[in-house]
Protein backbone atom coordinates (compact mmCIF):
# COMPACT_ATOMS: atom_id res chain seq x y z
CA MET A 1 149.15 89.47 -252.82
CA ALA A 2 150.78 86.04 -252.72
CA THR A 3 154.26 86.15 -251.28
CA GLN A 4 156.98 84.35 -253.18
CA ALA A 5 159.30 82.26 -251.02
CA SER A 6 163.06 82.50 -251.49
CA PHE A 7 164.67 79.94 -253.75
CA PRO A 8 166.31 77.03 -251.92
CA PRO A 9 169.95 76.25 -252.77
CA GLY A 10 170.05 74.74 -256.24
CA GLY A 11 166.28 75.12 -256.54
CA THR A 12 164.00 76.63 -259.16
CA TRP A 13 160.77 78.62 -258.93
CA PHE A 14 158.86 75.34 -258.74
CA ASP A 15 160.56 74.54 -255.43
CA THR A 16 159.03 77.69 -253.90
CA LEU A 17 155.41 76.73 -254.59
CA LYS A 18 153.12 76.05 -251.64
CA LYS A 19 151.22 73.65 -253.91
CA SER A 20 151.85 72.57 -257.48
CA PHE A 21 149.15 71.62 -259.95
CA ILE A 22 151.10 68.37 -260.31
CA ASP A 23 150.01 67.54 -256.76
CA VAL A 24 146.32 68.28 -257.36
CA HIS A 25 144.57 64.95 -257.88
CA VAL A 26 141.90 64.82 -260.58
CA ASP A 27 139.58 61.98 -259.58
CA ALA A 28 138.72 60.35 -262.91
CA ALA A 29 136.56 57.75 -261.15
CA ASN A 30 134.41 60.53 -259.70
CA GLY A 31 133.63 62.65 -262.73
CA ASN A 32 137.10 64.24 -262.81
CA ALA A 33 136.42 65.86 -259.44
CA ILE A 34 139.05 68.42 -258.43
CA PRO A 35 139.67 69.10 -254.71
CA THR A 36 138.85 72.73 -254.00
CA SER A 37 141.45 73.51 -251.34
CA ASP A 38 144.38 71.94 -253.22
CA PHE A 39 143.39 73.65 -256.46
CA LEU A 40 143.12 77.07 -254.83
CA ASP A 41 146.50 76.62 -253.15
CA ALA A 42 148.05 75.73 -256.51
CA ALA A 43 146.36 78.68 -258.21
CA GLU A 44 147.55 81.06 -255.51
CA SER A 45 151.07 79.67 -255.87
CA LEU A 46 150.89 80.28 -259.61
CA THR A 47 150.36 84.00 -259.10
CA THR A 48 153.95 84.37 -257.88
CA LEU A 49 154.92 83.64 -261.48
CA PHE A 50 153.95 87.22 -262.30
CA ASP A 51 156.56 88.44 -259.84
CA LEU A 52 159.15 86.79 -262.09
CA LEU A 53 157.84 88.90 -264.95
CA GLY A 54 158.95 91.87 -262.90
CA SER A 55 156.52 94.55 -264.00
CA ILE A 56 153.78 96.48 -262.21
CA ALA A 57 151.81 96.10 -265.45
CA PHE A 58 151.10 92.46 -264.53
CA LYS A 59 149.44 93.41 -261.22
CA PRO A 60 145.97 93.41 -262.82
CA VAL A 61 146.48 89.85 -264.03
CA GLN A 62 147.86 88.70 -260.68
CA ASN A 63 145.22 90.43 -258.63
CA ASP A 64 142.38 89.32 -260.86
CA MET A 65 143.30 85.74 -259.94
CA LEU A 66 143.91 86.46 -256.27
CA SER A 67 140.63 88.31 -255.91
CA ASN A 68 138.71 85.39 -257.31
CA ILE A 69 140.57 82.97 -255.05
CA LYS A 70 139.77 85.40 -252.21
CA VAL A 71 142.97 85.56 -250.23
CA CYS A 72 143.10 87.83 -247.21
CA ASN A 73 145.72 90.35 -248.27
CA PRO A 74 144.51 93.51 -250.10
CA PRO A 75 145.47 93.56 -253.81
CA ILE A 76 148.12 96.18 -254.53
CA PHE A 77 146.64 97.02 -257.92
CA HIS A 78 143.35 97.85 -256.25
CA LEU A 79 145.14 100.33 -254.01
CA HIS A 80 146.67 102.16 -256.97
CA LEU A 81 144.03 101.87 -259.69
CA PRO A 82 140.69 101.15 -258.02
CA GLN A 83 138.49 102.24 -260.92
CA ILE A 84 140.17 99.92 -263.38
CA HIS A 85 140.39 97.11 -260.86
CA LYS A 86 136.63 97.18 -260.38
CA LYS A 87 136.28 96.72 -264.13
CA LEU A 88 138.76 93.83 -264.12
CA ILE A 89 136.95 91.73 -261.54
CA PRO A 90 133.23 91.00 -261.54
CA PRO A 91 131.72 92.60 -258.41
CA SER A 92 131.16 89.97 -255.76
CA SER A 93 131.48 89.70 -251.98
CA GLN A 94 132.11 85.98 -251.76
CA LYS A 95 134.61 84.23 -253.98
CA VAL A 96 135.76 80.64 -254.21
CA ARG A 97 137.76 80.21 -251.01
CA GLU A 98 135.16 82.10 -249.02
CA ARG A 99 132.50 79.70 -250.24
CA LEU A 100 134.71 76.77 -249.22
CA LEU A 101 135.09 78.19 -245.72
CA THR A 102 131.41 78.96 -245.23
CA SER A 103 130.06 75.74 -246.81
CA PRO A 104 132.85 73.17 -246.45
CA SER A 105 130.62 70.09 -246.58
CA ASP A 106 129.22 71.15 -249.97
CA SER A 107 132.48 72.45 -251.42
CA SER A 108 135.13 69.75 -251.08
CA THR A 109 135.46 69.63 -254.86
CA LEU A 110 135.08 72.49 -257.31
CA GLN A 111 132.25 70.68 -259.04
CA SER A 112 130.29 70.16 -255.83
CA LEU A 113 130.91 73.78 -254.84
CA VAL A 114 129.38 75.04 -258.07
CA ARG A 115 126.41 72.70 -257.97
CA SER A 116 125.59 73.45 -254.34
CA GLU A 117 125.85 77.20 -254.81
CA LEU A 118 123.74 77.23 -257.95
CA ALA A 119 121.14 75.06 -256.20
CA GLN A 120 120.79 77.90 -253.69
CA LYS A 121 120.15 80.35 -256.55
CA LYS A 122 123.52 82.03 -255.95
CA HIS A 123 126.52 82.30 -258.25
CA THR A 124 129.15 84.53 -256.63
CA ALA A 125 131.78 81.82 -256.10
CA THR A 126 130.85 80.15 -259.38
CA GLU A 127 131.45 83.38 -261.23
CA GLY A 128 134.72 83.83 -259.37
CA LEU A 129 135.78 80.33 -260.45
CA LEU A 130 134.81 81.09 -264.04
CA TRP A 131 137.12 84.11 -264.11
CA LEU A 132 139.87 82.25 -262.30
CA VAL A 133 139.78 79.47 -264.89
CA ARG A 134 139.95 82.06 -267.68
CA GLY A 135 143.04 83.56 -266.06
CA LEU A 136 144.68 80.18 -265.67
CA ASP A 137 143.84 79.31 -269.27
CA PHE A 138 145.47 82.56 -270.40
CA THR A 139 148.62 81.84 -268.41
CA SER A 140 148.97 78.21 -269.46
CA LEU A 141 148.42 79.00 -273.15
CA ALA A 142 151.03 81.77 -273.05
CA LEU A 143 153.67 79.62 -271.39
CA ARG A 144 152.94 76.59 -273.57
CA HIS A 145 153.20 78.71 -276.71
CA ASN A 146 156.48 80.17 -275.51
CA GLN A 147 157.92 76.78 -274.61
CA SER A 148 156.93 75.16 -277.88
CA THR A 149 158.00 78.11 -280.05
CA PRO A 150 161.72 78.69 -279.43
CA SER A 151 161.81 81.87 -281.52
CA ALA A 152 158.87 83.55 -279.75
CA GLU A 153 159.44 86.21 -277.14
CA LEU A 154 157.14 86.28 -274.11
CA SER A 155 155.30 89.36 -275.37
CA THR A 156 154.20 87.47 -278.49
CA SER A 157 153.12 84.42 -276.51
CA PHE A 158 151.11 86.43 -273.99
CA ARG A 159 149.41 88.50 -276.69
CA THR A 160 148.46 85.34 -278.58
CA ALA A 161 147.03 83.78 -275.43
CA TYR A 162 145.18 86.95 -274.42
CA THR A 163 143.43 87.17 -277.77
CA SER A 164 141.87 83.72 -277.41
CA THR A 165 141.10 83.72 -273.67
CA LEU A 166 140.50 86.92 -271.72
CA LYS A 167 140.15 89.54 -274.44
CA PRO A 168 136.65 88.48 -275.62
CA HIS A 169 135.38 88.97 -272.05
CA HIS A 170 137.04 92.33 -271.32
CA SER A 171 135.58 95.79 -271.84
CA PHE A 172 137.26 98.53 -273.86
CA LEU A 173 138.45 100.03 -270.56
CA VAL A 174 140.24 96.88 -269.48
CA LYS A 175 141.85 95.81 -272.76
CA PRO A 176 144.47 98.61 -272.76
CA VAL A 177 145.56 97.62 -269.24
CA PHE A 178 146.27 94.08 -270.34
CA SER A 179 147.84 95.28 -273.57
CA ALA A 180 150.32 97.27 -271.48
CA ALA A 181 151.12 94.12 -269.50
CA MET A 182 151.84 92.17 -272.68
CA SER A 183 154.28 94.86 -273.80
CA ALA A 184 156.05 94.90 -270.43
CA THR A 185 157.16 91.27 -270.41
CA PRO A 186 160.91 90.66 -269.99
CA TYR A 187 163.07 89.02 -272.61
CA LYS A 188 162.63 85.28 -272.80
CA LYS A 189 166.19 84.52 -271.71
CA ASP A 190 165.84 86.74 -268.63
CA PHE A 191 162.53 85.18 -267.61
CA TYR A 192 163.85 81.62 -267.77
CA ALA A 193 166.98 82.66 -265.89
CA LYS A 194 164.76 84.00 -263.08
CA MET A 195 162.63 80.86 -263.12
CA SER A 196 165.77 78.73 -262.81
CA GLY A 197 166.90 80.58 -259.69
CA GLU A 198 170.02 78.89 -258.44
CA GLY A 199 169.23 75.70 -260.35
CA ASP A 200 169.73 74.46 -263.88
CA GLU A 201 167.77 76.20 -266.65
CA GLU A 202 167.12 72.97 -268.55
CA LYS A 203 165.81 71.41 -265.36
CA ALA A 204 163.45 74.36 -264.91
CA LYS A 205 162.15 73.94 -268.46
CA VAL A 206 161.45 70.24 -267.87
CA GLU A 207 159.64 71.11 -264.63
CA LEU A 208 157.65 73.77 -266.48
CA GLY A 209 156.51 71.18 -269.03
CA ARG A 210 155.28 68.80 -266.31
CA TRP A 211 153.57 71.62 -264.42
CA LEU A 212 151.86 72.83 -267.58
CA ASP A 213 150.64 69.31 -268.37
CA ALA A 214 148.87 69.19 -265.01
CA LEU A 215 147.52 72.73 -265.23
CA GLU A 216 146.20 72.21 -268.76
CA GLU A 217 144.42 69.02 -267.75
CA GLN A 218 142.64 70.78 -264.89
CA VAL A 219 141.74 73.81 -266.99
CA LYS A 220 140.30 71.53 -269.66
CA VAL A 221 138.19 69.65 -267.10
CA LEU A 222 136.90 72.87 -265.56
CA LYS A 223 136.18 74.61 -268.86
CA GLY A 224 134.08 71.65 -269.98
CA PHE A 225 132.28 71.48 -266.65
CA MET A 226 131.62 75.23 -266.43
CA GLU A 227 130.37 75.41 -270.00
CA LYS A 228 127.88 72.64 -269.27
CA GLU A 229 126.75 73.46 -265.75
CA ALA A 230 127.64 77.03 -264.78
CA LYS A 231 124.30 78.54 -265.80
CA TRP A 232 122.51 81.27 -263.89
């Protein structure tokens, strides 16, 4: 599991990130190419957001992302609920970061990683990226809905996002697990207080908006690319 760093004095959750999506450069001159290593670092950093939600029910969401990134630490949810975890994550032995490490020259960007793997008649990392993008889409939609709808509690925002992103791809065994997570979200005011850390809450909300802008752009690029080229 990703480890969340302590908040610096006067800092917010965004100051604890190893890499922010804001710092991931989308190369518009090169077909909107997205650097693999930077993107994976930003995605791994994002998973600490679920620690702010403060519920074990979000472990399947967090570990779904981490498993597809392929970090080294064993997912906690897998240790407690292995049968469900196997249903959450498509079975594969080599996910996105593992592909980057084994084929670095062909994987500097996410697009080149997918094309090179599919050219070898493989799709393990590509499938991992597909699920990772779905998880990021779910998270960004939930937070954007919550930010743009002042009256909405987090549970409503996450349920709305789940319906249009992950739910159509989940089995009847998995859906109740995610439904439990949606119901376990903290109150909106408590979540934003945690995100603000020792900093200003309004500052945290501005930073969230900028971070979401960058994340949404990258998700949009990857969804379009995967829909067109991720065929196996």
